[in-house]
């Protein structure tokens, strides 16, 4: 066997070995590890804020390793004045926040993509949405968080904060 053929076979063997080692490593088989969603585990559970205007509640449950499901609603007396279902999902290395609000956007979900992430908070944005264009969650303490929606509304910057305490 000539030297060139030996060299080519050696390279081919090395490539096959390297590929097999890489495929055996977690997160390298074509699926990215769920990193961002793991930072959001503090969000799981029930959160609430009571004000003179009503009671805001947000509940989060883990569906699987890449998806959390949330629901949010505001009660005024016995009336539910707003309600939404939320999907927090890691897909292809991106964390997506997708709310569906009855009587808004024709009942269709709107996708907000994570633009900032840390162990204490997240920012999701969709500059094409009417309002809000930005949604953020920040862990204030073990049992408190601040959610905020913000963006341009009728030509003016607007931000609405939702302080919440852990219920469960």
Protein backbone atom coordinates (compact mmCIF):
# COMPACT_ATOMS: atom_id res chain seq x y z
CA UNK A 1 0.00 0.00 0.00
CA UNK A 2 1.48 3.33 -0.93
CA UNK A 3 2.03 6.11 1.61
CA UNK A 4 -0.70 8.33 0.19
CA UNK A 5 -3.33 5.60 0.57
CA UNK A 6 -2.17 4.84 4.13
CA UNK A 7 -2.40 8.55 4.97
CA UNK A 8 -5.90 8.84 3.46
CA UNK A 9 -7.14 5.77 5.37
CA UNK A 10 -5.66 7.15 8.59
CA UNK A 11 -7.48 10.46 8.08
CA UNK A 12 -10.73 8.66 7.28
CA UNK A 13 -10.42 6.50 10.42
CA UNK A 14 -9.61 9.54 12.53
CA UNK A 15 -12.67 11.33 11.13
CA UNK A 16 -14.97 8.39 11.91
CA UNK A 17 -13.60 8.12 15.47
CA UNK A 18 -13.96 11.88 16.03
CA UNK A 19 -17.53 11.87 14.72
CA UNK A 20 -18.48 8.96 16.98
CA UNK A 21 -16.96 10.66 20.02
CA UNK A 22 -18.79 13.90 19.22
CA UNK A 23 -22.12 12.08 18.81
CA UNK A 24 -21.62 10.40 22.17
CA UNK A 25 -21.25 13.78 23.92
CA UNK A 26 -24.42 15.25 25.41
CA UNK A 27 -25.87 18.05 23.32
CA UNK A 28 -23.77 17.38 20.22
CA UNK A 29 -26.03 14.97 18.34
CA UNK A 30 -27.80 17.71 16.45
CA UNK A 31 -29.95 18.73 19.42
CA UNK A 32 -28.86 21.68 21.49
CA UNK A 33 -29.06 21.28 25.24
CA UNK A 34 -31.97 23.02 26.92
CA UNK A 35 -29.89 25.71 28.64
CA UNK A 36 -32.12 28.77 28.73
CA UNK A 37 -35.26 26.99 29.95
CA UNK A 38 -33.30 25.56 32.88
CA UNK A 39 -32.56 29.11 34.01
CA UNK A 40 -36.31 29.73 34.23
CA UNK A 41 -37.18 26.98 36.76
CA UNK A 42 -37.71 29.66 39.39
CA UNK A 43 -40.77 30.74 37.40
CA UNK A 44 -42.58 27.42 38.03
CA UNK A 45 -45.45 27.61 40.50
CA UNK A 46 -48.20 30.07 41.27
CA UNK A 47 -47.78 33.85 41.52
CA UNK A 48 -50.26 36.51 42.53
CA UNK A 49 -50.75 40.24 43.04
CA UNK A 50 -53.75 41.74 44.86
CA UNK A 51 -54.62 45.39 44.24
CA UNK A 52 -57.70 47.58 44.46
CA UNK A 53 -58.23 46.86 40.74
CA UNK A 54 -58.34 43.08 41.22
CA UNK A 55 -56.26 39.95 41.63
CA UNK A 56 -53.66 39.04 39.01
CA UNK A 57 -52.60 35.41 38.98
CA UNK A 58 -49.98 33.62 36.91
CA UNK A 59 -49.32 29.86 37.11
CA UNK A 60 -46.47 27.93 35.49
CA UNK A 61 -46.01 24.17 35.06
CA UNK A 62 -43.28 22.13 33.41
CA UNK A 63 -44.56 20.19 30.40
CA UNK A 64 -41.17 18.64 29.54
CA UNK A 65 -37.45 19.50 29.45
CA UNK A 66 -37.96 22.16 26.79
CA UNK A 67 -41.42 23.58 27.51
CA UNK A 68 -43.21 25.32 30.38
CA UNK A 69 -46.91 26.17 30.18
CA UNK A 70 -48.34 29.24 31.84
CA UNK A 71 -51.72 30.76 32.35
CA UNK A 72 -52.45 34.25 33.50
CA UNK A 73 -55.70 35.92 34.43
CA UNK A 74 -57.06 38.96 36.23
CA UNK A 75 -60.14 38.78 38.45
CA UNK A 76 -62.27 41.76 39.45
CA UNK A 77 -64.72 40.46 41.95
CA UNK A 78 -66.16 37.33 40.33
CA UNK A 79 -65.37 38.49 36.78
CA UNK A 80 -62.36 37.37 34.77
CA UNK A 81 -61.36 40.54 32.94
CA UNK A 82 -58.41 39.09 31.05
CA UNK A 83 -56.91 35.67 30.47
CA UNK A 84 -54.03 34.26 28.49
CA UNK A 85 -52.24 30.99 27.93
CA UNK A 86 -48.47 31.12 27.59
CA UNK A 87 -45.95 28.70 26.17
CA UNK A 88 -42.30 29.14 27.18
CA UNK A 89 -40.36 26.88 24.85
CA UNK A 90 -36.74 26.28 23.97
CA UNK A 91 -36.47 25.60 20.27
CA UNK A 92 -33.21 25.38 18.30
CA UNK A 93 -31.30 27.21 21.04
CA UNK A 94 -33.87 30.04 21.28
CA UNK A 95 -36.25 30.57 24.16
CA UNK A 96 -39.67 31.60 22.87
CA UNK A 97 -42.44 33.21 24.92
CA UNK A 98 -45.74 32.65 23.13
CA UNK A 99 -48.91 34.07 24.67
CA UNK A 100 -52.38 33.46 23.29
CA UNK A 101 -54.96 35.96 24.52
CA UNK A 102 -58.65 35.51 23.87
CA UNK A 103 -60.13 38.51 22.01
CA UNK A 104 -56.67 39.71 20.89
CA UNK A 105 -54.76 39.00 17.68
CA UNK A 106 -57.79 37.05 16.45
CA UNK A 107 -57.05 34.46 19.16
CA UNK A 108 -53.76 33.56 17.48
CA UNK A 109 -50.49 33.13 19.42
CA UNK A 110 -47.81 35.82 19.19
CA UNK A 111 -44.17 34.77 19.42
CA UNK A 112 -41.66 36.81 21.43
CA UNK A 113 -38.00 35.75 21.18
CA UNK A 114 -35.63 35.94 24.13
CA UNK A 115 -33.10 38.74 23.72
CA UNK A 116 -31.57 38.67 27.22
CA UNK A 117 -31.24 35.87 29.77
CA UNK A 118 -29.71 35.45 33.19
CA UNK A 119 -30.39 33.33 36.26
CA UNK A 120 -32.57 36.18 37.58
CA UNK A 121 -34.46 37.27 34.52
CA UNK A 122 -35.47 37.21 30.89
CA UNK A 123 -36.41 39.71 28.21
CA UNK A 124 -38.48 38.67 25.20
CA UNK A 125 -39.12 40.91 22.20
CA UNK A 126 -41.29 41.12 19.11
CA UNK A 127 -40.80 44.52 17.46
CA UNK A 128 -43.57 43.77 14.93
CA UNK A 129 -46.29 43.36 17.59
CA UNK A 130 -48.63 46.30 18.27
CA UNK A 131 -48.29 46.29 22.08
CA UNK A 132 -46.34 45.16 23.93
CA UNK A 133 -43.13 44.75 21.96
CA UNK A 134 -41.16 43.68 25.03
CA UNK A 135 -42.00 41.32 27.92
CA UNK A 136 -39.66 40.84 30.85
CA UNK A 137 -39.55 38.74 34.00
CA UNK A 138 -37.13 39.45 36.84
CA UNK A 139 -36.72 37.47 40.02
CA UNK A 140 -36.62 39.99 42.88
CA UNK A 141 -36.34 37.50 45.72
CA UNK A 142 -37.03 33.83 46.34
CA UNK A 143 -40.76 34.52 46.50
CA UNK A 144 -41.21 37.66 44.40
CA UNK A 145 -40.90 38.66 40.77
CA UNK A 146 -41.53 41.65 38.57
CA UNK A 147 -43.12 41.09 35.18
CA UNK A 148 -43.30 44.02 32.79
CA UNK A 149 -44.76 44.67 29.38
CA UNK A 150 -43.51 47.66 27.44
CA UNK A 151 -43.21 49.27 24.06
CA UNK A 152 -44.79 51.93 21.91
CA UNK A 153 -48.55 52.37 22.21
CA UNK A 154 -50.35 55.02 20.13
CA UNK A 155 -47.02 56.70 19.42
CA UNK A 156 -45.90 56.89 23.07
CA UNK A 157 -43.57 54.73 25.13
CA UNK A 158 -45.47 52.81 27.76
CA UNK A 159 -44.53 50.27 30.44
CA UNK A 160 -46.80 48.35 32.78
CA UNK A 161 -45.28 46.52 35.77
CA UNK A 162 -46.77 43.49 37.47
CA UNK A 163 -45.16 42.78 40.87
CA UNK A 164 -46.07 39.28 42.04
CA UNK A 165 -45.52 37.11 45.09
CA UNK A 166 -45.25 33.34 45.14
CA UNK A 167 -48.42 31.58 46.30
CA UNK A 168 -47.24 27.96 46.02
